[in-house]
Structures are given as structure tokens and as C-alpha cells.
């Protein structure tokens, strides 16, 4: 099976075998700080069986250079994966969840996505150990934005996600 290395601006971002799809999507989303809309560029990589793993990079900007390289057999890393194999928010591993959407260093399972979505949309209670932070040093682990650039962060187990990336991750699992 071929392995791929994806780099952004010359820095390796992702190396993995068993890649099923690579998609780059541009979208216009509301700018919650200044009003109006901003352009977001997402890099999505589907890994394994449909819906099993998803990698999402939501921190791309116009002008970024993305390179995708097919690796030779001797370049494929052995015994390691660049993709998290458990949810950074609840700790569930890939054997106990339906899908996992991740960034370079963090992943979120479908269960946490649904719970956090309910917190934002329906005002549901936060899960044990979770908090909403709208100030401080924390930043979204997917897009690296921090308040006040985003209205707040959902944080649990030292992992953080902003509402924009939560929406993008939900869109990914909904499309499957």
C-alpha cells in the first residue's frame, strides 16, 4: 500500500499508509470577531475504512504551499503513525468509537463532537472535566487560533477545539 507525506510550507504535517482520500476544501465562514466572512482552507485525509479515521488541518491560509509526495517503500516509517489513535478529549481508543477526526497532534471522536455540539447549540451540560475558555493562553489544537480570534474554546484533558473546527469536524463525519 502506498504511503503519502503531506507538507505545508515545507514542514511535514502528515505521513501515513492506507490513505483512501485527500481533499482540499475552501469555504467561507462567518468572521466572529470582525463580522463578515473569511476564507478557510481545510486539508482532509481519509485513512483506513470509510469513516474510521479522518485527519483535518484547518489552519491553512491563502498563500500556503501544500505538497503531497508518494513515499517509496524504504521511506515509509515503521511502527509509528503520525495520526493520533485515541480521542484527545475523552481518551477513548479507536476500538471504542465509530470515527476519529484529528489534526497533527490531536484527535476528537464522534461522541465528543456530538456532546460539544449539543453544548453549543442546545446549551447542554459540559461533560465532566470539560470547560469553555474565552481567555488565557489556550489555542485550538486544529487551527491554532485563540480567543479573541475565536469566541471561545471547548477544552478537556488539555485538548482544545474552537467552534469553527468543531463545525468542520462535524461536517466530515456527517458526509460519510
Protein backbone atom coordinates (compact mmCIF):
# COMPACT_ATOMS: atom_id res chain seq x y z
CA UNK A 1 0.00 0.00 0.00
CA UNK A 2 1.36 3.42 -0.91
CA UNK A 3 2.18 5.90 1.81
CA UNK A 4 1.88 9.65 1.50
CA UNK A 5 3.73 12.56 3.04
CA UNK A 6 1.88 15.86 3.14
CA UNK A 7 3.85 19.02 3.89
CA UNK A 8 2.62 22.56 4.43
CA UNK A 9 5.10 25.35 3.74
CA UNK A 10 7.95 22.82 3.69
CA UNK A 11 7.14 21.30 7.09
CA UNK A 12 5.95 17.68 7.18
CA UNK A 13 2.41 17.64 8.53
CA UNK A 14 1.26 14.09 7.87
CA UNK A 15 2.83 10.73 6.93
CA UNK A 16 0.61 7.66 6.70
CA UNK A 17 -0.20 4.49 4.80
CA UNK A 18 -3.71 3.27 3.96
CA UNK A 19 -4.86 6.70 2.71
CA UNK A 20 -8.23 6.48 0.94
CA UNK A 21 -8.83 10.13 0.05
CA UNK A 22 -7.09 13.50 0.14
CA UNK A 23 -9.32 16.55 -0.20
CA UNK A 24 -8.58 20.26 -0.02
CA UNK A 25 -11.64 22.43 0.57
CA UNK A 26 -12.04 26.21 0.62
CA UNK A 27 -15.05 27.59 2.46
CA UNK A 28 -16.32 30.96 3.55
CA UNK A 29 -17.28 31.08 7.22
CA UNK A 30 -18.56 33.88 9.45
CA UNK A 31 -15.81 36.02 11.00
CA UNK A 32 -16.93 36.07 14.61
CA UNK A 33 -14.53 38.82 15.65
CA UNK A 34 -14.87 41.40 12.87
CA UNK A 35 -18.14 40.41 11.24
CA UNK A 36 -18.48 39.50 7.60
CA UNK A 37 -16.87 36.34 6.25
CA UNK A 38 -13.38 34.90 5.98
CA UNK A 39 -12.00 32.21 3.73
CA UNK A 40 -10.91 28.97 5.44
CA UNK A 41 -8.92 26.25 3.71
CA UNK A 42 -9.12 22.71 5.10
CA UNK A 43 -6.96 19.71 4.31
CA UNK A 44 -8.83 16.44 4.83
CA UNK A 45 -7.28 12.96 4.65
CA UNK A 46 -9.40 9.82 5.00
CA UNK A 47 -7.49 6.85 6.40
CA UNK A 48 -8.49 3.18 6.66
CA UNK A 49 -12.06 2.02 6.21
CA UNK A 50 -14.71 4.65 5.46
CA UNK A 51 -15.16 6.88 8.48
CA UNK A 52 -12.55 5.06 10.57
CA UNK A 53 -10.01 7.90 10.80
CA UNK A 54 -10.10 11.42 9.50
CA UNK A 55 -7.27 13.95 9.56
CA UNK A 56 -8.24 17.60 9.45
CA UNK A 57 -5.95 20.60 9.10
CA UNK A 58 -7.98 23.76 9.47
CA UNK A 59 -5.16 26.25 9.89
CA UNK A 60 -4.31 26.75 6.22
CA UNK A 61 -4.24 30.26 4.81
CA UNK A 62 -4.16 31.71 1.29
CA UNK A 63 -0.58 31.55 0.07
CA UNK A 64 0.30 28.34 1.95
CA UNK A 65 2.11 25.76 -0.14
CA UNK A 66 0.83 22.18 0.17
CA UNK A 67 2.87 19.31 -1.24
CA UNK A 68 1.80 15.68 -1.44
CA UNK A 69 4.51 13.10 -2.05
CA UNK A 70 4.14 9.36 -2.58
CA UNK A 71 6.82 7.64 -0.48
CA UNK A 72 8.98 4.76 -1.60
CA UNK A 73 8.89 1.58 0.49
CA UNK A 74 12.13 2.44 2.29
CA UNK A 75 10.80 5.91 3.24
CA UNK A 76 7.71 4.55 4.99
CA UNK A 77 8.10 4.87 8.77
CA UNK A 78 7.72 1.54 10.56
CA UNK A 79 5.79 1.02 13.75
CA UNK A 80 4.80 4.64 14.08
CA UNK A 81 1.87 6.69 12.98
CA UNK A 82 1.63 10.44 12.65
CA UNK A 83 -2.06 10.28 13.41
CA UNK A 84 -3.44 10.05 16.95
CA UNK A 85 -5.22 6.73 17.56
CA UNK A 86 -7.36 7.81 20.51
CA UNK A 87 -9.60 10.76 21.33
CA UNK A 88 -7.61 13.54 22.97
CA UNK A 89 -10.75 14.81 24.70
CA UNK A 90 -12.17 11.64 26.33
CA UNK A 91 -9.32 9.14 25.89
CA UNK A 92 -11.38 6.51 24.02
CA UNK A 93 -9.28 4.47 21.61
CA UNK A 94 -10.24 3.58 18.05
CA UNK A 95 -11.71 0.24 19.20
CA UNK A 96 -14.45 2.01 21.21
CA UNK A 97 -15.57 4.76 18.84
CA UNK A 98 -17.16 4.97 15.39
CA UNK A 99 -14.87 7.60 13.89
CA UNK A 100 -11.92 9.75 14.84
CA UNK A 101 -11.14 13.16 13.33
CA UNK A 102 -7.71 14.53 14.04
CA UNK A 103 -5.14 17.17 13.42
CA UNK A 104 -1.37 16.89 13.61
CA UNK A 105 -1.24 16.27 17.37
CA UNK A 106 -4.87 15.88 18.49
CA UNK A 107 -7.98 13.88 17.61
CA UNK A 108 -11.64 14.01 18.58
CA UNK A 109 -14.14 11.15 18.44
CA UNK A 110 -17.67 11.28 17.06
CA UNK A 111 -19.08 11.07 20.61
CA UNK A 112 -17.21 14.15 21.84
CA UNK A 113 -18.16 16.01 18.66
CA UNK A 114 -21.85 15.31 19.31
CA UNK A 115 -21.60 16.26 23.00
CA UNK A 116 -19.73 19.52 22.32
CA UNK A 117 -22.17 20.36 19.52
CA UNK A 118 -25.07 19.88 21.94
CA UNK A 119 -23.32 22.17 24.46
CA UNK A 120 -23.07 24.96 21.90
CA UNK A 121 -26.39 24.55 20.09
CA UNK A 122 -28.72 23.30 22.83
CA UNK A 123 -26.99 24.59 25.95
CA UNK A 124 -26.44 21.03 27.20
CA UNK A 125 -24.19 20.46 30.21
CA UNK A 126 -20.48 20.11 29.66
CA UNK A 127 -19.04 16.63 30.18
CA UNK A 128 -17.08 16.04 33.37
CA UNK A 129 -13.69 17.75 33.19
CA UNK A 130 -14.61 19.97 30.22
CA UNK A 131 -14.71 23.75 30.22
CA UNK A 132 -15.29 26.67 27.89
CA UNK A 133 -12.43 29.16 27.89
CA UNK A 134 -12.66 32.58 26.30
CA UNK A 135 -9.35 33.95 27.56
CA UNK A 136 -5.92 32.77 28.56
CA UNK A 137 -3.09 31.04 26.75
CA UNK A 138 -5.08 28.14 25.24
CA UNK A 139 -5.48 27.81 21.47
CA UNK A 140 -7.44 25.47 19.22
CA UNK A 141 -5.36 22.34 18.54
CA UNK A 142 -6.75 22.13 14.98
CA UNK A 143 -6.40 25.70 13.64
CA UNK A 144 -4.17 27.26 16.34
CA UNK A 145 -6.49 30.23 16.82
CA UNK A 146 -7.01 31.61 20.32
CA UNK A 147 -9.56 33.97 21.87
CA UNK A 148 -10.45 36.66 20.93
CA UNK A 149 -9.89 35.47 17.33
CA UNK A 150 -12.44 32.73 18.12
CA UNK A 151 -15.31 33.25 20.57
CA UNK A 152 -14.08 30.53 22.93
CA UNK A 153 -12.60 27.07 23.16
CA UNK A 154 -14.05 23.79 24.36
CA UNK A 155 -11.30 22.23 26.48
CA UNK A 156 -10.99 18.79 28.04
CA UNK A 157 -7.89 16.78 29.01
CA UNK A 158 -5.67 19.67 27.82
CA UNK A 159 -7.10 19.38 24.28
CA UNK A 160 -8.96 22.36 22.80
CA UNK A 161 -11.27 22.91 19.84
CA UNK A 162 -12.89 26.11 18.59
CA UNK A 163 -16.46 26.32 17.22
CA UNK A 164 -15.21 26.67 13.59
CA UNK A 165 -13.18 23.45 13.77
CA UNK A 166 -15.99 21.69 15.66
CA UNK A 167 -18.28 22.54 12.73
CA UNK A 168 -15.72 21.35 10.18
CA UNK A 169 -15.22 18.04 12.03
CA UNK A 170 -18.98 17.52 12.29
CA UNK A 171 -19.30 18.20 8.56
CA UNK A 172 -16.70 15.50 7.88
CA UNK A 173 -18.47 12.80 9.87
CA UNK A 174 -21.89 13.85 8.56
CA UNK A 175 -20.77 13.47 4.93
CA UNK A 176 -19.92 9.80 5.43
